[in-house]
C-alpha atoms as a PDB file:
ATOM      1  CA  MET A   1      36.904  12.048  39.180  1.00  0.00           C
ATOM      2  CA  CYS A   2      39.279   9.917  39.609  1.00  0.00           C
ATOM      3  CA  LYS A   3      43.020  10.530  39.042  1.00  0.00           C
ATOM      4  CA  PHE A   4      45.070   7.553  38.007  1.00  0.00           C
ATOM      5  CA  THR A   5      48.718   6.934  38.134  1.00  0.00           C
ATOM      6  CA  PRO A   6      50.645   6.184  35.124  1.00  0.00           C
ATOM      7  CA  GLU A   7      51.504   2.958  36.487  1.00  0.00           C
ATOM      8  CA  GLN A   8      47.332   2.169  37.052  1.00  0.00           C
ATOM      9  CA  ILE A   9      46.335   3.224  33.039  1.00  0.00           C
ATOM     10  CA  GLU A  10      49.879   0.732  32.189  1.00  0.00           C
ATOM     11  CA  ARG A  11      47.969  -1.631  33.593  1.00  0.00           C
ATOM     12  CA  ALA A  12      44.991  -0.977  32.604  1.00  0.00           C
ATOM     13  CA  ALA A  13      45.975  -0.962  28.934  1.00  0.00           C
ATOM     14  CA  ALA A  14      47.642  -4.512  29.316  1.00  0.00           C
ATOM     15  CA  ASN A  15      44.216  -5.189  30.252  1.00  0.00           C
ATOM     16  CA  GLY A  16      42.507  -3.927  26.714  1.00  0.00           C
ATOM     17  CA  ILE A  17      40.624  -0.930  29.063  1.00  0.00           C
ATOM     18  CA  SER A  18      41.034   2.553  27.695  1.00  0.00           C
ATOM     19  CA  LYS A  19      41.973   5.421  30.032  1.00  0.00           C
ATOM     20  CA  SER A  20      38.117   6.912  29.274  1.00  0.00           C
ATOM     21  CA  LEU A  21      36.793   3.517  30.164  1.00  0.00           C
ATOM     22  CA  LEU A  22      38.348   4.272  33.562  1.00  0.00           C
ATOM     23  CA  TYR A  23      37.120   6.990  34.156  1.00  0.00           C
ATOM     24  CA  VAL A  24      33.542   5.665  33.394  1.00  0.00           C
ATOM     25  CA  ARG A  25      33.327   2.930  35.401  1.00  0.00           C
ATOM     26  CA  THR A  26      35.070   5.050  38.468  1.00  0.00           C
ATOM     27  CA  SER A  27      32.482   7.703  38.214  1.00  0.00           C
ATOM     28  CA  ASN A  28      29.639   8.143  40.753  1.00  0.00           C
ATOM     29  CA  LYS A  29      27.073   6.432  38.020  1.00  0.00           C
ATOM     30  CA  MET A  30      29.604   2.974  38.328  1.00  0.00           C
ATOM     31  CA  LYS A  31      30.905   2.957  41.408  1.00  0.00           C
ATOM     32  CA  MET A  32      33.418   0.606  40.481  1.00  0.00           C
ATOM     33  CA  GLY A  33      36.535   0.790  42.736  1.00  0.00           C
ATOM     34  CA  ILE A  34      39.650   1.487  41.129  1.00  0.00           C
ATOM     35  CA  GLU A  35      41.333  -1.678  41.106  1.00  0.00           C
ATOM     36  CA  GLU A  36      38.550  -3.325  40.212  1.00  0.00           C
ATOM     37  CA  ALA A  37      37.758  -1.195  37.140  1.00  0.00           C
ATOM     38  CA  ILE A  38      41.446  -1.655  36.194  1.00  0.00           C
ATOM     39  CA  THR A  39      41.112  -5.483  36.537  1.00  0.00           C
ATOM     40  CA  THR A  40      37.289  -6.459  34.999  1.00  0.00           C
ATOM     41  CA  PRO A  41      37.776  -7.311  31.225  1.00  0.00           C
ATOM     42  CA  LYS A  42      35.593  -5.417  28.964  1.00  0.00           C
ATOM     43  CA  MET A  43      32.469  -6.931  28.084  1.00  0.00           C
ATOM     44  CA  SER A  44      31.970  -8.083  24.412  1.00  0.00           C
ATOM     45  CA  LYS A  45      28.962  -6.593  22.006  1.00  0.00           C
ATOM     46  CA  ALA A  46      27.304  -9.726  21.769  1.00  0.00           C
ATOM     47  CA  GLU A  47      27.586 -10.302  25.949  1.00  0.00           C
ATOM     48  CA  ALA A  48      26.103  -6.906  26.353  1.00  0.00           C
ATOM     49  CA  GLY A  49      23.188  -7.171  23.989  1.00  0.00           C
ATOM     50  CA  ARG A  50      22.593 -10.678  25.714  1.00  0.00           C
ATOM     51  CA  LYS A  51      22.583  -8.565  29.637  1.00  0.00           C
ATOM     52  CA  GLY A  52      20.794  -6.414  28.044  1.00  0.00           C
ATOM     53  CA  LYS A  53      18.092  -8.201  26.603  1.00  0.00           C
ATOM     54  CA  ALA A  54      17.695 -10.345  29.618  1.00  0.00           C
ATOM     55  CA  ASN A  55      17.293  -7.290  32.076  1.00  0.00           C
ATOM     56  CA  GLY A  56      15.016  -5.566  29.885  1.00  0.00           C
ATOM     57  CA  PRO A  57      11.616  -5.750  29.601  1.00  0.00           C
ATOM     58  CA  ASP A  58       9.964  -7.795  26.708  1.00  0.00           C
ATOM     59  CA  PHE A  59       9.117  -5.667  23.554  1.00  0.00           C
ATOM     60  CA  THR A  60       7.018  -8.223  22.238  1.00  0.00           C
ATOM     61  CA  PHE A  61       3.817  -7.555  20.809  1.00  0.00           C
ATOM     62  CA  LYS A  62       1.134  -9.671  19.312  1.00  0.00           C
ATOM     63  CA  ARG A  63      -0.158  -8.928  15.465  1.00  0.00           C
ATOM     64  CA  GLY A  64      -2.468  -5.875  15.953  1.00  0.00           C
ATOM     65  CA  GLU A  65      -1.511  -4.894  19.635  1.00  0.00           C
ATOM     66  CA  SER A  66      -0.137  -1.444  19.937  1.00  0.00           C
ATOM     67  CA  ALA A  67       2.988  -0.400  22.519  1.00  0.00           C
ATOM     68  CA  TRP A  68       1.081   3.120  22.917  1.00  0.00           C
ATOM     69  CA  ILE A  69      -2.660   1.641  23.103  1.00  0.00           C
ATOM     70  CA  ASN A  70      -4.315  -0.545  26.213  1.00  0.00           C
ATOM     71  CA  ASN A  71      -6.043  -3.517  24.477  1.00  0.00           C
END
């Protein structure tokens, strides 16, 4: 985990980024650099939903079809 300077935390807060979000963004999973994590704006819930829908599989089924049984 990264340690952030008080100045970095202040700059992030001015951009609407919490300290916990900074830790998530710089974690091994997201791998953002500290500057990128501080300056990249948060996604709105609507934007995150649209992005998830665009990147996810299509879960629409026709009447009578099942996700668990091969028809």
